[in-house]
N, C-alpha and C. Protein backbone atom coordinates (compact mmCIF):
# COMPACT_ATOMS: atom_id res chain seq x y z
N MET A 1 0.77 -1.23 0.01
CA MET A 1 0.09 0.14 -0.14
C MET A 1 1.09 1.03 -0.08
N GLN A 2 0.41 2.16 -0.86
CA GLN A 2 1.32 3.25 -0.94
C GLN A 2 1.15 4.18 0.35
N VAL A 3 1.75 5.17 0.69
CA VAL A 3 1.41 5.70 1.69
C VAL A 3 2.16 7.33 1.22
N PRO A 4 1.45 8.38 1.43
CA PRO A 4 1.89 9.60 1.23
C PRO A 4 3.08 10.16 2.72
N ILE A 5 4.19 11.00 1.96
CA ILE A 5 4.90 11.15 3.50
C ILE A 5 5.16 12.32 3.35
N GLU A 6 5.15 12.72 4.25
CA GLU A 6 5.61 14.47 5.24
C GLU A 6 6.07 14.46 5.96
N VAL A 7 7.00 15.90 5.94
CA VAL A 7 8.05 15.91 6.37
C VAL A 7 7.89 16.79 8.02
N SER A 8 8.07 16.47 9.03
CA SER A 8 7.80 17.20 10.23
C SER A 8 9.15 17.73 10.46
N ALA A 9 8.97 19.15 10.22
CA ALA A 9 10.36 20.44 10.80
C ALA A 9 10.32 20.05 12.13
N ARG A 10 11.16 21.08 12.96
CA ARG A 10 10.81 21.04 14.15
C ARG A 10 9.91 21.45 14.73
N HIS A 11 9.64 21.72 15.88
CA HIS A 11 8.03 21.99 16.30
C HIS A 11 7.83 21.91 17.44
N ILE A 12 7.13 22.32 18.33
CA ILE A 12 6.19 22.28 20.16
C ILE A 12 5.41 22.39 20.05
N HIS A 13 4.75 21.41 20.98
CA HIS A 13 3.15 21.34 21.17
C HIS A 13 3.18 21.85 22.62
N LEU A 14 2.28 22.92 23.05
CA LEU A 14 2.57 23.35 24.28
C LEU A 14 0.93 22.90 25.14
N SER A 15 1.24 23.32 26.77
CA SER A 15 0.11 23.09 27.20
C SER A 15 -0.40 24.46 27.43
N LYS A 16 -1.64 24.46 27.92
CA LYS A 16 -2.11 25.54 27.90
C LYS A 16 -1.28 26.72 29.30
N PRO A 17 -1.18 26.03 30.41
CA PRO A 17 -0.43 27.10 31.61
C PRO A 17 1.03 27.17 30.77
N ASP A 18 1.87 26.63 29.89
CA ASP A 18 3.27 27.02 29.35
C ASP A 18 3.18 27.71 28.69
N ALA A 19 2.02 27.50 27.28
CA ALA A 19 2.02 28.63 26.74
C ALA A 19 1.44 30.04 27.25
N GLU A 20 0.36 30.30 28.37
CA GLU A 20 0.00 31.71 28.88
C GLU A 20 1.36 32.00 29.96
N LYS A 21 2.27 31.27 29.99
CA LYS A 21 3.90 31.87 30.27
C LYS A 21 4.46 32.51 29.06
N LEU A 22 4.23 32.23 27.93
CA LEU A 22 5.18 32.33 27.27
C LEU A 22 4.44 33.52 26.23
N PHE A 23 3.27 33.26 26.47
CA PHE A 23 2.32 34.49 25.50
C PHE A 23 1.52 35.35 26.13
N GLY A 24 1.10 35.36 27.73
CA GLY A 24 0.81 35.70 28.44
C GLY A 24 -0.75 35.50 28.88
N ALA A 25 -1.23 35.99 29.85
CA ALA A 25 -2.45 34.87 30.46
C ALA A 25 -3.97 35.47 29.72
N GLY A 26 -4.42 34.34 29.47
CA GLY A 26 -5.31 34.61 28.80
C GLY A 26 -5.50 34.26 27.18
N PHE A 27 -3.84 33.71 26.59
CA PHE A 27 -3.50 33.82 25.64
C PHE A 27 -4.38 32.27 24.42
N ILE A 28 -4.80 32.48 23.76
CA ILE A 28 -5.59 31.60 23.10
C ILE A 28 -4.46 31.39 21.72
N LEU A 29 -3.94 29.99 21.39
CA LEU A 29 -3.29 29.93 19.67
C LEU A 29 -4.04 30.25 18.63
N SER A 30 -3.52 30.98 17.97
CA SER A 30 -4.30 31.64 16.65
C SER A 30 -3.62 30.31 15.35
N LYS A 31 -5.13 29.85 14.68
CA LYS A 31 -4.58 28.92 13.72
C LYS A 31 -3.66 29.61 12.48
N LEU A 32 -2.96 28.80 11.96
CA LEU A 32 -2.27 29.59 10.59
C LEU A 32 -3.00 28.64 9.51
N LYS A 33 -2.97 27.55 9.91
CA LYS A 33 -3.44 26.51 8.74
C LYS A 33 -3.82 24.79 9.33
N ASP A 34 -4.70 24.55 8.76
CA ASP A 34 -4.66 22.74 9.30
C ASP A 34 -3.87 22.20 8.74
N LEU A 35 -3.10 20.98 9.44
CA LEU A 35 -2.59 19.75 9.21
C LEU A 35 -3.28 18.49 8.38
N SER A 36 -2.52 17.54 8.38
CA SER A 36 -3.24 16.68 7.34
C SER A 36 -4.09 15.83 8.54
N GLN A 37 -3.93 16.02 9.67
CA GLN A 37 -4.84 15.01 10.67
C GLN A 37 -5.54 15.83 11.16
N THR A 38 -6.76 15.37 11.16
CA THR A 38 -8.03 15.90 11.88
C THR A 38 -7.51 16.71 13.14
N GLY A 39 -8.16 18.05 13.21
CA GLY A 39 -7.69 18.57 14.36
C GLY A 39 -6.83 19.42 14.63
N GLN A 40 -5.51 18.91 13.94
CA GLN A 40 -3.97 19.08 14.41
C GLN A 40 -3.97 20.38 13.66
N PHE A 41 -3.37 21.66 13.56
CA PHE A 41 -3.15 22.50 12.77
C PHE A 41 -1.67 23.29 13.41
N ALA A 42 -1.04 24.29 12.53
CA ALA A 42 0.16 25.01 12.94
C ALA A 42 -0.46 26.02 13.37
N ALA A 43 0.29 26.71 14.45
CA ALA A 43 -0.60 28.15 14.97
C ALA A 43 0.21 29.10 14.34
N GLY A 44 0.06 30.09 14.02
CA GLY A 44 0.74 31.54 13.97
C GLY A 44 2.04 32.00 14.58
N GLU A 45 2.10 31.26 16.22
CA GLU A 45 2.95 31.84 17.20
C GLU A 45 4.18 31.02 16.82
N ARG A 46 5.23 31.52 17.39
CA ARG A 46 6.88 30.69 17.33
C ARG A 46 7.13 31.20 18.26
N VAL A 47 8.25 30.11 18.76
CA VAL A 47 9.25 30.13 20.31
C VAL A 47 10.93 30.34 19.87
N LYS A 48 11.55 30.48 21.13
CA LYS A 48 12.98 30.25 20.05
C LYS A 48 13.36 28.93 21.73
N LEU A 49 14.04 28.17 21.48
CA LEU A 49 14.75 27.34 21.97
C LEU A 49 16.07 27.46 22.22
N VAL A 50 16.45 27.27 23.68
CA VAL A 50 17.95 27.49 24.01
C VAL A 50 18.37 26.77 24.50
N GLY A 51 19.43 25.92 24.11
CA GLY A 51 19.94 24.61 24.59
C GLY A 51 21.46 24.96 25.23
N PRO A 52 22.09 24.12 26.07
CA PRO A 52 23.38 24.63 26.31
C PRO A 52 24.60 25.18 25.37
N ARG A 53 24.50 24.42 24.41
CA ARG A 53 25.38 24.71 23.07
C ARG A 53 24.90 25.74 22.24
N GLY A 54 23.59 26.07 21.98
CA GLY A 54 22.93 27.32 20.77
C GLY A 54 21.69 27.14 21.33
N GLN A 55 20.90 27.84 20.52
CA GLN A 55 19.60 28.07 20.06
C GLN A 55 19.29 28.45 18.68
N ILE A 56 17.88 27.89 18.70
CA ILE A 56 17.21 28.16 17.35
C ILE A 56 15.64 28.91 17.47
N ASP A 57 15.71 29.70 16.76
CA ASP A 57 14.74 30.59 16.69
C ASP A 57 13.46 30.52 16.05
N LYS A 58 12.25 31.07 16.07
CA LYS A 58 11.20 30.77 15.31
C LYS A 58 10.54 29.65 14.93
N VAL A 59 10.84 29.11 16.10
CA VAL A 59 10.28 27.42 16.36
C VAL A 59 8.57 27.19 16.18
N ARG A 60 8.19 26.89 15.34
CA ARG A 60 6.33 26.96 15.27
C ARG A 60 5.76 25.69 16.15
N VAL A 61 4.75 26.57 16.48
CA VAL A 61 3.81 26.12 17.90
C VAL A 61 2.81 25.18 16.88
N LEU A 62 2.43 23.85 17.35
CA LEU A 62 1.24 23.08 17.12
C LEU A 62 0.20 23.21 17.90
N GLY A 63 -0.88 22.99 17.00
CA GLY A 63 -2.23 22.96 17.98
C GLY A 63 -2.94 21.96 17.79
N PRO A 64 -3.49 21.32 18.76
CA PRO A 64 -4.02 22.59 19.81
C PRO A 64 -3.02 21.74 21.53
N TYR A 65 -3.75 22.58 22.34
CA TYR A 65 -3.08 22.32 23.31
C TYR A 65 -2.64 20.72 23.93
N ARG A 66 -1.76 20.46 24.77
CA ARG A 66 -1.56 19.16 25.00
C ARG A 66 -1.77 19.14 26.10
N LYS A 67 -1.31 18.13 27.05
CA LYS A 67 -1.21 17.94 28.23
C LYS A 67 -0.38 18.39 28.80
N ALA A 68 0.67 17.79 28.28
CA ALA A 68 2.76 18.13 28.10
C ALA A 68 3.31 18.92 27.06
N THR A 69 4.18 20.10 27.57
CA THR A 69 4.45 20.45 26.19
C THR A 69 5.51 19.82 26.01
N GLN A 70 5.84 19.69 24.99
CA GLN A 70 6.70 18.58 24.02
C GLN A 70 7.40 19.49 22.96
N VAL A 71 8.76 19.10 22.74
CA VAL A 71 9.49 19.87 21.48
C VAL A 71 10.00 18.50 20.88
N GLU A 72 9.99 18.95 19.58
CA GLU A 72 10.15 17.73 18.77
C GLU A 72 11.41 18.60 17.81
N VAL A 73 12.20 17.53 17.38
CA VAL A 73 13.79 18.15 16.85
C VAL A 73 14.44 17.26 16.06
N SER A 74 15.38 17.36 15.00
CA SER A 74 15.56 16.18 14.45
C SER A 74 17.32 16.46 14.95
N GLU A 75 17.96 15.47 14.52
CA GLU A 75 19.15 15.01 15.12
C GLU A 75 20.25 16.21 15.32
N THR A 76 19.88 17.09 14.10
CA THR A 76 21.04 17.93 13.35
C THR A 76 20.43 18.99 14.37
N ASP A 77 18.92 19.22 14.92
CA ASP A 77 18.94 20.53 15.85
C ASP A 77 19.14 20.37 16.75
N ALA A 78 19.30 19.06 17.36
CA ALA A 78 19.55 18.86 18.97
C ALA A 78 21.11 19.12 19.09
N LYS A 79 22.14 18.57 17.95
CA LYS A 79 23.34 18.90 17.54
C LYS A 79 23.65 20.22 18.42
N LYS A 80 22.87 21.06 17.28
CA LYS A 80 22.99 22.41 17.16
C LYS A 80 22.85 23.10 18.98
N LEU A 81 21.36 22.20 19.38
CA LEU A 81 21.18 23.18 20.70
C LEU A 81 22.15 22.82 21.92
N GLY A 82 22.74 21.17 21.57
CA GLY A 82 23.76 20.92 22.72
C GLY A 82 23.34 19.95 23.49
N LEU A 83 22.14 19.13 22.82
CA LEU A 83 20.75 18.18 23.52
C LEU A 83 21.66 16.53 23.09
N GLU A 84 21.21 15.79 23.87
CA GLU A 84 21.05 14.57 23.24
C GLU A 84 19.50 13.69 24.00
N PRO A 85 18.50 14.05 22.93
CA PRO A 85 17.10 13.57 23.07
C PRO A 85 17.16 12.55 22.66
N PRO A 86 16.23 11.27 23.47
CA PRO A 86 16.25 10.07 22.82
C PRO A 86 15.29 9.84 21.52
N ALA A 87 15.13 9.09 21.05
CA ALA A 87 14.23 8.87 19.73
C ALA A 87 12.77 8.10 20.63
N ARG A 88 11.65 8.95 20.71
CA ARG A 88 10.45 8.45 21.15
C ARG A 88 9.01 8.61 20.38
N ASP A 89 7.84 7.96 21.02
CA ASP A 89 6.90 8.14 20.44
C ASP A 89 6.54 9.64 21.06
N SER A 90 5.31 10.10 20.18
CA SER A 90 4.78 11.50 21.09
C SER A 90 4.15 11.49 22.34
N GLY A 91 4.51 12.11 23.54
CA GLY A 91 3.70 11.89 24.59
C GLY A 91 4.69 11.08 25.61
N ASN A 92 5.86 10.47 24.90
CA ASN A 92 6.47 9.74 25.42
C ASN A 92 7.55 10.17 26.18
N LEU A 93 7.77 11.22 27.12
CA LEU A 93 8.87 12.21 27.96
C LEU A 93 9.36 11.76 28.80
N ASP A 94 8.94 10.96 29.60
CA ASP A 94 10.09 10.47 30.62
C ASP A 94 11.06 10.14 30.65
N GLN A 95 12.34 10.88 31.46
CA GLN A 95 13.67 11.12 31.30
C GLN A 95 14.08 11.35 30.18
N THR A 96 13.69 12.65 29.28
CA THR A 96 13.98 13.24 28.23
C THR A 96 14.73 14.42 28.91
N PRO A 97 15.31 15.32 27.88
CA PRO A 97 16.04 16.22 27.98
C PRO A 97 15.22 17.50 28.43
N GLY A 98 15.48 18.52 29.06
CA GLY A 98 14.97 19.82 29.11
C GLY A 98 15.55 21.12 28.33
N ILE A 99 14.70 22.51 28.05
CA ILE A 99 15.13 23.13 27.50
C ILE A 99 14.70 24.38 27.84
N LYS A 100 15.64 25.89 27.37
CA LYS A 100 14.40 26.92 27.75
C LYS A 100 14.10 27.17 26.48
N ILE A 101 12.74 27.64 26.78
CA ILE A 101 12.06 28.00 25.80
C ILE A 101 11.43 29.65 26.17
N ILE A 102 11.81 30.47 24.73
CA ILE A 102 11.20 32.19 24.76
C ILE A 102 10.17 32.74 24.04
N GLY A 103 9.37 33.07 24.52
CA GLY A 103 8.16 33.54 23.83
C GLY A 103 8.14 35.38 23.77
N PRO A 104 7.33 35.76 23.44
CA PRO A 104 7.54 37.33 23.27
C PRO A 104 6.71 37.56 24.71
N PHE A 105 5.88 37.12 25.50
CA PHE A 105 5.90 37.80 27.06
C PHE A 105 6.80 37.27 27.82
N GLY A 106 7.45 35.89 27.90
CA GLY A 106 7.91 35.76 28.76
C GLY A 106 8.85 34.50 28.48
N GLU A 107 9.26 33.82 29.56
CA GLU A 107 10.25 32.49 29.09
C GLU A 107 9.97 31.61 30.23
N LEU A 108 10.27 29.76 30.04
CA LEU A 108 9.86 28.82 30.86
C LEU A 108 11.25 27.77 30.99
N TYR A 109 11.93 27.61 31.43
CA TYR A 109 12.83 26.32 31.84
C TYR A 109 11.78 24.98 31.92
N LEU A 110 11.90 24.51 30.38
CA LEU A 110 10.99 22.97 30.40
C LEU A 110 11.99 21.71 30.90
N LYS A 111 11.77 21.38 32.57
CA LYS A 111 12.51 19.91 32.59
C LYS A 111 12.54 18.55 31.86
N GLN A 112 11.43 18.43 31.19
CA GLN A 112 12.02 17.39 30.70
C GLN A 112 10.98 17.46 29.21
N GLY A 113 10.56 16.93 28.08
CA GLY A 113 10.03 16.89 26.97
C GLY A 113 11.25 17.18 25.74
N VAL A 114 12.20 17.13 25.13
CA VAL A 114 12.81 16.91 23.94
C VAL A 114 12.90 15.77 23.32
N ILE A 115 12.16 15.27 22.47
CA ILE A 115 12.25 13.97 21.61
C ILE A 115 12.75 14.01 20.35
N LEU A 116 13.14 13.33 19.88
CA LEU A 116 13.64 12.88 18.30
C LEU A 116 12.18 12.45 18.12
N ALA A 117 11.31 12.69 17.40
CA ALA A 117 9.86 11.61 17.25
C ALA A 117 10.37 10.83 16.19
N LEU A 118 9.40 9.41 16.57
CA LEU A 118 10.17 8.07 16.06
C LEU A 118 9.37 8.58 14.57
N ARG A 119 9.63 7.84 13.38
CA ARG A 119 9.01 8.13 12.07
C ARG A 119 8.23 7.30 12.39
N HIS A 120 6.90 7.38 12.30
CA HIS A 120 5.55 7.03 11.85
C HIS A 120 4.35 7.03 11.07
N ILE A 121 3.49 6.23 10.93
CA ILE A 121 2.58 5.92 10.17
C ILE A 121 1.05 6.11 11.11
N HIS A 122 -0.09 7.31 10.47
CA HIS A 122 -1.30 7.70 11.05
C HIS A 122 -1.55 6.73 9.83
N ILE A 123 -2.81 5.62 10.52
CA ILE A 123 -3.44 5.09 9.63
C ILE A 123 -5.15 4.73 9.97
N ASP A 124 -5.98 4.70 9.63
CA ASP A 124 -7.42 4.43 9.91
C ASP A 124 -7.75 3.03 10.36
N PRO A 125 -8.23 2.52 11.54
CA PRO A 125 -8.30 0.78 11.47
C PRO A 125 -8.75 0.21 9.78
N GLU A 126 -9.70 0.81 9.37
CA GLU A 126 -10.12 0.07 7.82
C GLU A 126 -8.49 -0.55 7.37
N ALA A 127 -8.34 0.72 6.98
CA ALA A 127 -6.59 0.44 5.94
C ALA A 127 -5.79 -0.65 6.77
N ALA A 128 -5.78 -0.22 8.39
CA ALA A 128 -5.14 -1.34 9.08
C ALA A 128 -4.54 -2.40 8.95
N LYS A 129 -6.42 -2.82 9.16
CA LYS A 129 -7.14 -4.26 9.07
C LYS A 129 -6.60 -4.55 7.70
N LYS A 130 -6.74 -3.66 6.44
CA LYS A 130 -6.19 -4.23 5.24
C LYS A 130 -4.88 -5.18 5.10
N LEU A 131 -3.97 -4.25 6.12
CA LEU A 131 -2.67 -4.45 5.76
C LEU A 131 -2.33 -5.63 6.79
N GLY A 132 -3.34 -6.03 7.89
CA GLY A 132 -3.20 -6.95 8.77
C GLY A 132 -2.16 -6.36 10.03
N ILE A 133 -2.37 -5.10 10.50
CA ILE A 133 -1.40 -4.61 11.27
C ILE A 133 -2.44 -3.68 12.51
N LYS A 134 -1.63 -3.53 13.42
CA LYS A 134 -2.19 -2.85 14.40
C LYS A 134 -1.77 -1.32 14.96
N ASN A 135 -2.20 -0.98 16.27
CA ASN A 135 -1.78 0.46 16.62
C ASN A 135 -0.46 -0.23 17.37
N HIS A 136 0.79 0.25 17.52
CA HIS A 136 2.05 0.08 18.11
C HIS A 136 2.81 -0.87 17.05
N ASP A 137 2.35 -1.67 16.19
CA ASP A 137 3.32 -2.24 15.73
C ASP A 137 4.23 -1.87 14.80
N ARG A 138 5.30 -2.31 14.07
CA ARG A 138 6.27 -1.75 13.34
C ARG A 138 6.29 -2.27 12.30
N VAL A 139 6.29 -1.26 11.25
CA VAL A 139 6.50 -1.86 9.42
C VAL A 139 7.57 -1.19 9.07
N LYS A 140 7.87 -1.03 7.77
CA LYS A 140 9.16 -1.02 6.54
C LYS A 140 8.03 0.06 5.78
N VAL A 141 8.59 1.04 5.15
CA VAL A 141 8.60 1.97 4.48
C VAL A 141 9.57 1.86 3.31
N ASP A 142 9.34 1.39 1.90
CA ASP A 142 10.14 1.74 1.24
C ASP A 142 10.13 2.73 0.26
N VAL A 143 10.96 3.73 -0.16
CA VAL A 143 10.70 5.16 -0.75
C VAL A 143 11.94 5.24 -2.21
N SER A 144 11.65 4.77 -3.16
CA SER A 144 12.25 4.78 -4.50
C SER A 144 12.44 6.42 -4.99
N GLY A 145 13.65 6.21 -5.80
CA GLY A 145 13.95 7.97 -6.16
C GLY A 145 15.69 7.55 -6.42
N ALA A 146 15.93 9.34 -6.40
CA ALA A 146 17.41 8.93 -6.38
C ALA A 146 18.34 8.61 -5.46
N ARG A 147 17.42 8.76 -4.18
CA ARG A 147 18.37 8.15 -3.15
C ARG A 147 17.46 7.15 -2.56
N ASP A 148 16.84 5.88 -3.24
CA ASP A 148 16.36 4.61 -2.50
C ASP A 148 16.56 4.58 -1.22
N LEU A 149 15.60 4.20 -0.45
CA LEU A 149 15.86 4.16 0.98
C LEU A 149 14.94 3.45 1.35
N LEU A 150 15.27 2.12 2.23
CA LEU A 150 14.48 1.43 3.26
C LEU A 150 13.99 1.96 4.48
N PHE A 151 13.23 2.42 5.26
CA PHE A 151 12.61 2.81 6.46
C PHE A 151 12.13 1.78 7.36
N GLU A 152 12.91 1.30 7.99
CA GLU A 152 12.63 0.39 9.13
C GLU A 152 12.32 1.08 10.36
N ASN A 153 11.53 -0.29 11.13
CA ASN A 153 11.11 0.09 12.52
C ASN A 153 10.08 1.48 12.39
N VAL A 154 9.51 1.20 11.12
CA VAL A 154 8.02 2.83 11.37
C VAL A 154 7.36 2.30 12.11
N LEU A 155 6.38 2.91 13.33
CA LEU A 155 5.93 3.06 14.26
C LEU A 155 4.13 3.10 13.72
N VAL A 156 3.46 2.34 13.75
CA VAL A 156 1.77 2.54 13.31
C VAL A 156 1.12 3.34 14.47
N ARG A 157 0.65 3.90 14.13
CA ARG A 157 -0.44 4.15 15.17
C ARG A 157 -1.68 4.27 14.19
N VAL A 158 -2.65 3.80 15.03
CA VAL A 158 -3.85 3.79 14.32
C VAL A 158 -5.09 4.00 14.95
N ASP A 159 -6.29 5.37 14.52
CA ASP A 159 -7.45 5.90 15.13
C ASP A 159 -7.65 6.01 13.94
N PRO A 160 -9.40 6.27 14.12
CA PRO A 160 -10.40 6.38 13.06
C PRO A 160 -10.46 7.79 12.65
N SER A 161 -9.55 8.77 13.56
CA SER A 161 -9.85 9.85 12.92
C SER A 161 -8.38 10.34 12.27
N PHE A 162 -7.80 9.15 11.52
CA PHE A 162 -6.38 9.29 11.06
C PHE A 162 -6.34 9.24 9.66
N ARG A 163 -5.71 10.12 8.85
CA ARG A 163 -5.54 10.03 7.44
C ARG A 163 -4.38 9.36 7.10
N LEU A 164 -4.19 8.98 6.21
CA LEU A 164 -2.97 8.21 6.12
C LEU A 164 -2.00 8.58 5.64
N THR A 165 -0.83 8.75 6.30
CA THR A 165 0.25 9.52 6.45
C THR A 165 1.39 9.25 6.79
N MET A 166 2.63 9.04 6.12
CA MET A 166 3.64 9.09 7.05
C MET A 166 4.45 10.01 7.75
N HIS A 167 5.11 10.26 8.87
CA HIS A 167 5.64 11.85 9.24
C HIS A 167 7.05 11.27 9.44
N ILE A 168 8.18 11.62 8.85
CA ILE A 168 9.38 11.51 9.25
C ILE A 168 10.03 13.13 8.96
N ASP A 169 11.03 13.11 10.22
CA ASP A 169 11.87 14.68 10.62
C ASP A 169 12.86 14.59 9.17
N THR A 170 13.09 16.04 9.41
CA THR A 170 14.02 16.51 8.00
C THR A 170 15.56 15.93 7.75
N ASP A 171 16.18 15.58 8.91
CA ASP A 171 16.95 14.84 8.47
C ASP A 171 16.73 13.68 7.35
N GLU A 172 15.72 12.53 8.17
CA GLU A 172 14.82 11.63 7.40
C GLU A 172 14.65 11.95 5.96
N ALA A 173 13.99 12.92 5.69
CA ALA A 173 13.32 13.30 4.47
C ALA A 173 14.74 13.63 3.47
N ASN A 174 16.12 14.20 4.01
CA ASN A 174 16.84 14.75 3.52
C ASN A 174 17.39 13.38 2.54
N ALA A 175 18.07 11.98 3.74
CA ALA A 175 18.44 11.11 3.10
C ALA A 175 18.12 10.25 2.14
N ALA A 176 16.50 10.59 2.54
CA ALA A 176 15.90 9.68 1.03
C ALA A 176 15.40 10.34 -0.02
N GLY A 177 15.71 12.02 -0.09
CA GLY A 177 15.30 12.95 -1.05
C GLY A 177 14.06 12.98 -1.32
N ILE A 178 13.09 13.08 0.05
CA ILE A 178 11.86 13.62 -0.06
C ILE A 178 11.79 14.90 -0.42
N ASP A 179 10.52 15.24 -1.61
CA ASP A 179 10.26 16.82 -1.97
C ASP A 179 8.96 16.75 -2.29
N LYS A 180 8.75 17.53 -2.67
CA LYS A 180 7.50 17.86 -3.79
C LYS A 180 7.08 16.80 -4.32
N ASN A 181 8.10 16.39 -5.32
CA ASN A 181 8.19 15.16 -6.32
C ASN A 181 8.06 14.10 -6.08
N ASN A 182 8.74 13.76 -4.49
CA ASN A 182 9.07 12.02 -4.38
C ASN A 182 8.72 12.38 -2.89
N ASN A 183 7.26 11.81 -2.39
CA ASN A 183 6.78 11.87 -1.45
C ASN A 183 5.99 10.80 -0.83
N THR A 184 5.98 9.68 -2.00
CA THR A 184 5.42 8.73 -1.16
C THR A 184 5.80 6.81 -0.84
N GLY A 185 5.72 6.58 -0.28
CA GLY A 185 6.88 5.15 -0.10
C GLY A 185 5.74 4.03 0.22
N GLU A 186 6.42 2.87 0.02
CA GLU A 186 5.42 1.67 0.15
C GLU A 186 5.37 0.79 1.33
N ILE A 187 4.16 0.68 2.00
CA ILE A 187 4.31 -0.30 2.94
C ILE A 187 4.71 -1.46 2.94
N ILE A 188 5.48 -2.26 3.78
CA ILE A 188 6.02 -2.89 3.69
C ILE A 188 5.79 -4.03 4.93
N VAL A 189 4.85 -5.07 5.33
CA VAL A 189 4.34 -5.77 6.50
C VAL A 189 5.35 -7.14 6.83
């Protein structure tokens, strides 16, 4: 089965209390554009990340709010910041590095929450059943093109609200030559 591939650049998911620390009391995220997964959106707001060795400006905030603030970066970003975050599934933040976050109204130090997001596929239950896969399974995805690459250990996330999409970070996209013209892969079970 073919899967569309989207590149997930560095971004941050904020909790409501942390958003208010960074942007002011009563703050509400402004929607810049909807993302491929239902209810998810890129907000108009950006923040600065400051690590032990460097900083990254204009990091996009994604909505809606989360229970816990989470920062997703690539390995290249992590090196620039001076961090060694683990590769994790979204929301699995125990024993991850922290980081300083600066907004236009204030700043905070996040004690934990920086991860390298695991490459993953969003899929609805019907399509997952056709492939014989279930939530949290691992599959391979073959990407053809000038820089053929086989992604292994791709996490499967199954939910009725999901649209079939694979998410990879910018380092992975560059390695596989993913761009506007080459952005699909074949799921291998």
